[in-house]
């Protein structure tokens, strides 16, 4: 089962890398379509502002001027837009797919629950760190560099997270019955 989980991750990585240029190209169109749904409006109204404030907490130790504003944030004098598409829903989807294969086996229910909780929290924290780092790139380097990281390199970061997560879970969390 462990080999199957890592095989799933590598297959997902191959799929991600092969469709990434297509998705990136049509991302704005997909965003415009999604903006007309009620689900989008709920995420933009409640989840995005909450995550923006969490990003602000991450910037506190670094003495940046940070202001949460509708649709994003101001860091020093740079506006950084944050939308539902930036929150990492793709990462949670990939995580859920790996759960389906990764938890197959004769593991205790408690260890499966522990693995799921660790994965959800870790995925959430990785997404916050990714958003904060992308925002930092926009402030310190350029909007273009931040956009390239957001659209391309962030996928690699998440794949690395999945490999580290499953290695940890198989070694220390999942207990066979």
C-alpha atoms as a PDB file:
ATOM      1  CA  UNK A   1       0.000   0.000   0.000  1.00  0.00           C
ATOM      2  CA  UNK A   2       2.816   2.419   0.809  1.00  0.00           C
ATOM      3  CA  UNK A   3       4.294   2.039  -2.653  1.00  0.00           C
ATOM      4  CA  UNK A   4       0.835   2.641  -4.149  1.00  0.00           C
ATOM      5  CA  UNK A   5       0.479   5.904  -2.221  1.00  0.00           C
ATOM      6  CA  UNK A   6       3.793   7.239  -3.491  1.00  0.00           C
ATOM      7  CA  UNK A   7       2.963   5.990  -6.974  1.00  0.00           C
ATOM      8  CA  UNK A   8      -0.311   7.958  -6.732  1.00  0.00           C
ATOM      9  CA  UNK A   9       1.639  11.070  -5.707  1.00  0.00           C
ATOM     10  CA  UNK A  10       4.011  10.694  -8.649  1.00  0.00           C
ATOM     11  CA  UNK A  11       1.116  10.122 -11.054  1.00  0.00           C
ATOM     12  CA  UNK A  12      -0.606  13.235  -9.689  1.00  0.00           C
ATOM     13  CA  UNK A  13       2.667  15.146 -10.075  1.00  0.00           C
ATOM     14  CA  UNK A  14       2.928  14.052 -13.712  1.00  0.00           C
ATOM     15  CA  UNK A  15      -0.675  15.055 -14.378  1.00  0.00           C
ATOM     16  CA  UNK A  16      -0.221  18.394 -12.623  1.00  0.00           C
ATOM     17  CA  UNK A  17       2.923  19.189 -14.563  1.00  0.00           C
ATOM     18  CA  UNK A  18       1.364  18.216 -17.876  1.00  0.00           C
ATOM     19  CA  UNK A  19      -1.837  20.256 -17.434  1.00  0.00           C
ATOM     20  CA  UNK A  20      -0.329  23.170 -15.503  1.00  0.00           C
ATOM     21  CA  UNK A  21       0.284  25.361 -18.570  1.00  0.00           C
ATOM     22  CA  UNK A  22      -3.282  24.745 -19.762  1.00  0.00           C
ATOM     23  CA  UNK A  23      -4.812  25.470 -16.352  1.00  0.00           C
ATOM     24  CA  UNK A  24      -2.685  28.571 -15.876  1.00  0.00           C
ATOM     25  CA  UNK A  25      -3.673  29.882 -19.283  1.00  0.00           C
ATOM     26  CA  UNK A  26      -7.389  29.441 -18.654  1.00  0.00           C
ATOM     27  CA  UNK A  27      -7.313  30.178 -14.926  1.00  0.00           C
ATOM     28  CA  UNK A  28      -8.717  33.682 -15.331  1.00  0.00           C
ATOM     29  CA  UNK A  29     -11.613  32.365 -17.434  1.00  0.00           C
ATOM     30  CA  UNK A  30     -12.341  29.660 -14.849  1.00  0.00           C
ATOM     31  CA  UNK A  31     -12.217  32.281 -12.105  1.00  0.00           C
ATOM     32  CA  UNK A  32     -14.728  34.490 -13.941  1.00  0.00           C
ATOM     33  CA  UNK A  33     -17.096  31.523 -14.341  1.00  0.00           C
ATOM     34  CA  UNK A  34     -16.768  30.571 -10.663  1.00  0.00           C
ATOM     35  CA  UNK A  35     -17.361  34.162  -9.524  1.00  0.00           C
ATOM     36  CA  UNK A  36     -21.001  33.852 -10.551  1.00  0.00           C
ATOM     37  CA  UNK A  37     -21.753  31.031  -8.105  1.00  0.00           C
ATOM     38  CA  UNK A  38     -23.129  31.284  -4.574  1.00  0.00           C
ATOM     39  CA  UNK A  39     -20.342  29.045  -3.260  1.00  0.00           C
ATOM     40  CA  UNK A  40     -17.768  31.530  -4.548  1.00  0.00           C
ATOM     41  CA  UNK A  41     -19.509  34.396  -2.824  1.00  0.00           C
ATOM     42  CA  UNK A  42     -19.503  32.556   0.505  1.00  0.00           C
ATOM     43  CA  UNK A  43     -15.788  31.818   0.229  1.00  0.00           C
ATOM     44  CA  UNK A  44     -14.966  35.405  -0.761  1.00  0.00           C
ATOM     45  CA  UNK A  45     -17.122  36.812   2.049  1.00  0.00           C
ATOM     46  CA  UNK A  46     -16.005  34.588   4.919  1.00  0.00           C
ATOM     47  CA  UNK A  47     -12.946  32.470   4.159  1.00  0.00           C
ATOM     48  CA  UNK A  48     -10.725  34.880   2.211  1.00  0.00           C
ATOM     49  CA  UNK A  49     -10.810  37.683   4.842  1.00  0.00           C
ATOM     50  CA  UNK A  50     -10.100  35.162   7.590  1.00  0.00           C
ATOM     51  CA  UNK A  51      -7.066  33.781   5.735  1.00  0.00           C
ATOM     52  CA  UNK A  52      -5.831  37.301   4.948  1.00  0.00           C
ATOM     53  CA  UNK A  53      -5.811  38.023   8.686  1.00  0.00           C
ATOM     54  CA  UNK A  54      -3.880  34.803   9.344  1.00  0.00           C
ATOM     55  CA  UNK A  55      -1.315  35.878   6.745  1.00  0.00           C
ATOM     56  CA  UNK A  56      -1.073  39.182   8.622  1.00  0.00           C
ATOM     57  CA  UNK A  57      -0.217  37.266  11.789  1.00  0.00           C
ATOM     58  CA  UNK A  58       2.626  35.530   9.948  1.00  0.00           C
ATOM     59  CA  UNK A  59       4.020  38.941   8.954  1.00  0.00           C
ATOM     60  CA  UNK A  60       3.934  40.376  12.509  1.00  0.00           C
ATOM     61  CA  UNK A  61       7.467  39.318  13.531  1.00  0.00           C
ATOM     62  CA  UNK A  62       8.966  40.855  10.382  1.00  0.00           C
ATOM     63  CA  UNK A  63       7.779  44.415  10.996  1.00  0.00           C
ATOM     64  CA  UNK A  64       5.865  44.839   7.732  1.00  0.00           C
ATOM     65  CA  UNK A  65       3.033  47.336   7.506  1.00  0.00           C
ATOM     66  CA  UNK A  66       0.087  45.040   6.926  1.00  0.00           C
ATOM     67  CA  UNK A  67      -3.555  45.948   6.344  1.00  0.00           C
ATOM     68  CA  UNK A  68      -6.295  43.492   5.452  1.00  0.00           C
ATOM     69  CA  UNK A  69      -8.586  44.985   2.821  1.00  0.00           C
ATOM     70  CA  UNK A  70     -11.486  43.546   0.825  1.00  0.00           C
ATOM     71  CA  UNK A  71     -10.108  41.265  -1.863  1.00  0.00           C
ATOM     72  CA  UNK A  72      -6.596  41.104  -0.471  1.00  0.00           C
ATOM     73  CA  UNK A  73      -4.060  42.934   1.604  1.00  0.00           C
ATOM     74  CA  UNK A  74      -1.623  45.826   1.604  1.00  0.00           C
ATOM     75  CA  UNK A  75       1.886  44.888   2.649  1.00  0.00           C
ATOM     76  CA  UNK A  76       4.044  47.973   3.001  1.00  0.00           C
ATOM     77  CA  UNK A  77       2.908  49.826  -0.129  1.00  0.00           C
ATOM     78  CA  UNK A  78       2.142  46.782  -2.270  1.00  0.00           C
ATOM     79  CA  UNK A  79      -1.369  45.523  -2.949  1.00  0.00           C
ATOM     80  CA  UNK A  80      -1.619  41.723  -2.993  1.00  0.00           C
ATOM     81  CA  UNK A  81      -4.883  40.278  -4.284  1.00  0.00           C
ATOM     82  CA  UNK A  82      -6.137  37.117  -2.636  1.00  0.00           C
ATOM     83  CA  UNK A  83      -9.094  35.238  -4.063  1.00  0.00           C
ATOM     84  CA  UNK A  84     -10.726  31.876  -3.525  1.00  0.00           C
ATOM     85  CA  UNK A  85      -8.441  30.397  -6.153  1.00  0.00           C
ATOM     86  CA  UNK A  86      -5.347  31.266  -4.107  1.00  0.00           C
ATOM     87  CA  UNK A  87      -6.460  29.536  -0.916  1.00  0.00           C
ATOM     88  CA  UNK A  88      -5.147  26.122  -1.881  1.00  0.00           C
ATOM     89  CA  UNK A  89      -8.298  24.179  -2.684  1.00  0.00           C
ATOM     90  CA  UNK A  90      -6.324  22.268  -5.312  1.00  0.00           C
ATOM     91  CA  UNK A  91      -3.937  21.096  -2.604  1.00  0.00           C
ATOM     92  CA  UNK A  92      -6.784  19.888  -0.424  1.00  0.00           C
ATOM     93  CA  UNK A  93      -8.219  18.027  -3.400  1.00  0.00           C
ATOM     94  CA  UNK A  94      -4.887  16.317  -4.087  1.00  0.00           C
ATOM     95  CA  UNK A  95      -4.514  15.523  -0.400  1.00  0.00           C
ATOM     96  CA  UNK A  96      -7.975  13.913  -0.390  1.00  0.00           C
ATOM     97  CA  UNK A  97      -7.063  11.806  -3.425  1.00  0.00           C
ATOM     98  CA  UNK A  98      -3.936  10.517  -1.698  1.00  0.00           C
ATOM     99  CA  UNK A  99      -5.968   9.735   1.433  1.00  0.00           C
ATOM    100  CA  UNK A 100      -8.134   7.383  -0.564  1.00  0.00           C
ATOM    101  CA  UNK A 101      -5.164   5.200  -1.445  1.00  0.00           C
ATOM    102  CA  UNK A 102      -2.897   5.957   1.480  1.00  0.00           C
ATOM    103  CA  UNK A 103      -5.246   4.780   4.203  1.00  0.00           C
ATOM    104  CA  UNK A 104      -6.001   1.444   2.549  1.00  0.00           C
ATOM    105  CA  UNK A 105      -4.752  -1.302   4.762  1.00  0.00           C
ATOM    106  CA  UNK A 106      -5.325  -2.783   8.141  1.00  0.00           C
ATOM    107  CA  UNK A 107      -4.648   0.325  10.241  1.00  0.00           C
ATOM    108  CA  UNK A 108      -6.402   1.220  13.476  1.00  0.00           C
ATOM    109  CA  UNK A 109      -9.239   3.721  13.183  1.00  0.00           C
ATOM    110  CA  UNK A 110      -7.582   6.045  15.685  1.00  0.00           C
ATOM    111  CA  UNK A 111      -4.320   6.137  13.729  1.00  0.00           C
ATOM    112  CA  UNK A 112      -6.274   6.849  10.526  1.00  0.00           C
ATOM    113  CA  UNK A 113      -8.062   9.753  12.224  1.00  0.00           C
ATOM    114  CA  UNK A 114      -4.717  11.040  13.525  1.00  0.00           C
ATOM    115  CA  UNK A 115      -3.245  10.823  10.013  1.00  0.00           C
ATOM    116  CA  UNK A 116      -6.204  12.719   8.532  1.00  0.00           C
ATOM    117  CA  UNK A 117      -6.048  15.469  11.181  1.00  0.00           C
ATOM    118  CA  UNK A 118      -2.290  15.879  10.739  1.00  0.00           C
ATOM    119  CA  UNK A 119      -2.777  16.015   6.970  1.00  0.00           C
ATOM    120  CA  UNK A 120      -5.545  18.612   7.090  1.00  0.00           C
ATOM    121  CA  UNK A 121      -3.630  20.834   9.518  1.00  0.00           C
ATOM    122  CA  UNK A 122      -0.374  20.403   7.614  1.00  0.00           C
ATOM    123  CA  UNK A 123      -2.013  21.145   4.280  1.00  0.00           C
ATOM    124  CA  UNK A 124      -3.636  24.249   5.757  1.00  0.00           C
ATOM    125  CA  UNK A 125      -0.317  25.461   7.218  1.00  0.00           C
ATOM    126  CA  UNK A 126       1.553  24.743   3.974  1.00  0.00           C
ATOM    127  CA  UNK A 127      -1.056  26.795   2.117  1.00  0.00           C
ATOM    128  CA  UNK A 128      -0.690  29.688   4.571  1.00  0.00           C
ATOM    129  CA  UNK A 129       3.098  29.573   4.224  1.00  0.00           C
ATOM    130  CA  UNK A 130       2.779  29.414   0.422  1.00  0.00           C
ATOM    131  CA  UNK A 131       0.466  32.447   0.363  1.00  0.00           C
ATOM    132  CA  UNK A 132       2.732  34.375   2.745  1.00  0.00           C
ATOM    133  CA  UNK A 133       5.832  33.543   0.700  1.00  0.00           C
ATOM    134  CA  UNK A 134       4.112  34.509  -2.546  1.00  0.00           C
ATOM    135  CA  UNK A 135       3.035  37.799  -0.959  1.00  0.00           C
ATOM    136  CA  UNK A 136       6.560  38.390   0.288  1.00  0.00           C
ATOM    137  CA  UNK A 137       7.868  37.857  -3.251  1.00  0.00           C
ATOM    138  CA  UNK A 138       5.401  40.458  -4.519  1.00  0.00           C
ATOM    139  CA  UNK A 139       6.624  42.956  -1.914  1.00  0.00           C
ATOM    140  CA  UNK A 140      10.366  42.286  -2.105  1.00  0.00           C
ATOM    141  CA  UNK A 141      10.847  41.269  -5.757  1.00  0.00           C
ATOM    142  CA  UNK A 142       8.052  41.869  -8.237  1.00  0.00           C
ATOM    143  CA  UNK A 143       4.440  41.026  -8.943  1.00  0.00           C
ATOM    144  CA  UNK A 144       5.562  39.022 -11.980  1.00  0.00           C
ATOM    145  CA  UNK A 145       7.963  36.882  -9.955  1.00  0.00           C
ATOM    146  CA  UNK A 146       5.256  36.281  -7.357  1.00  0.00           C
ATOM    147  CA  UNK A 147       2.782  35.319 -10.074  1.00  0.00           C
ATOM    148  CA  UNK A 148       5.221  32.803 -11.575  1.00  0.00           C
ATOM    149  CA  UNK A 149       5.791  31.271  -8.149  1.00  0.00           C
ATOM    150  CA  UNK A 150       2.050  31.211  -7.481  1.00  0.00           C
ATOM    151  CA  UNK A 151       1.209  29.583 -10.800  1.00  0.00           C
ATOM    152  CA  UNK A 152       4.084  27.116 -11.196  1.00  0.00           C
ATOM    153  CA  UNK A 153       6.439  26.548  -8.279  1.00  0.00           C
ATOM    154  CA  UNK A 154       3.683  26.234  -5.684  1.00  0.00           C
ATOM    155  CA  UNK A 155       2.646  22.919  -7.273  1.00  0.00           C
ATOM    156  CA  UNK A 156       6.125  21.549  -6.588  1.00  0.00           C
ATOM    157  CA  UNK A 157       5.939  22.748  -2.993  1.00  0.00           C
ATOM    158  CA  UNK A 158       2.712  20.848  -2.483  1.00  0.00           C
ATOM    159  CA  UNK A 159       4.044  17.658  -4.066  1.00  0.00           C
ATOM    160  CA  UNK A 160       7.042  17.814  -1.734  1.00  0.00           C
ATOM    161  CA  UNK A 161       4.636  18.304   1.186  1.00  0.00           C
ATOM    162  CA  UNK A 162       2.694  15.163   0.217  1.00  0.00           C
ATOM    163  CA  UNK A 163       5.866  13.085   0.030  1.00  0.00           C
ATOM    164  CA  UNK A 164       7.040  14.321   3.444  1.00  0.00           C
ATOM    165  CA  UNK A 165       3.568  13.860   4.935  1.00  0.00           C
ATOM    166  CA  UNK A 166       3.129  10.263   3.768  1.00  0.00           C
ATOM    167  CA  UNK A 167       6.673   9.315   4.772  1.00  0.00           C
ATOM    168  CA  UNK A 168       6.013  10.677   8.269  1.00  0.00           C
ATOM    169  CA  UNK A 169       2.559   9.105   8.558  1.00  0.00           C
ATOM    170  CA  UNK A 170       3.732   5.655   7.487  1.00  0.00           C
ATOM    171  CA  UNK A 171       6.715   5.749   9.845  1.00  0.00           C
ATOM    172  CA  UNK A 172       5.198   7.298  12.956  1.00  0.00           C
ATOM    173  CA  UNK A 173       1.397   7.556  12.859  1.00  0.00           C
ATOM    174  CA  UNK A 174      -0.363   4.637  11.180  1.00  0.00           C
ATOM    175  CA  UNK A 175      -0.506   1.551  13.387  1.00  0.00           C
ATOM    176  CA  UNK A 176      -1.411  -1.809  11.918  1.00  0.00           C
ATOM    177  CA  UNK A 177      -4.078  -3.775  13.764  1.00  0.00           C
END
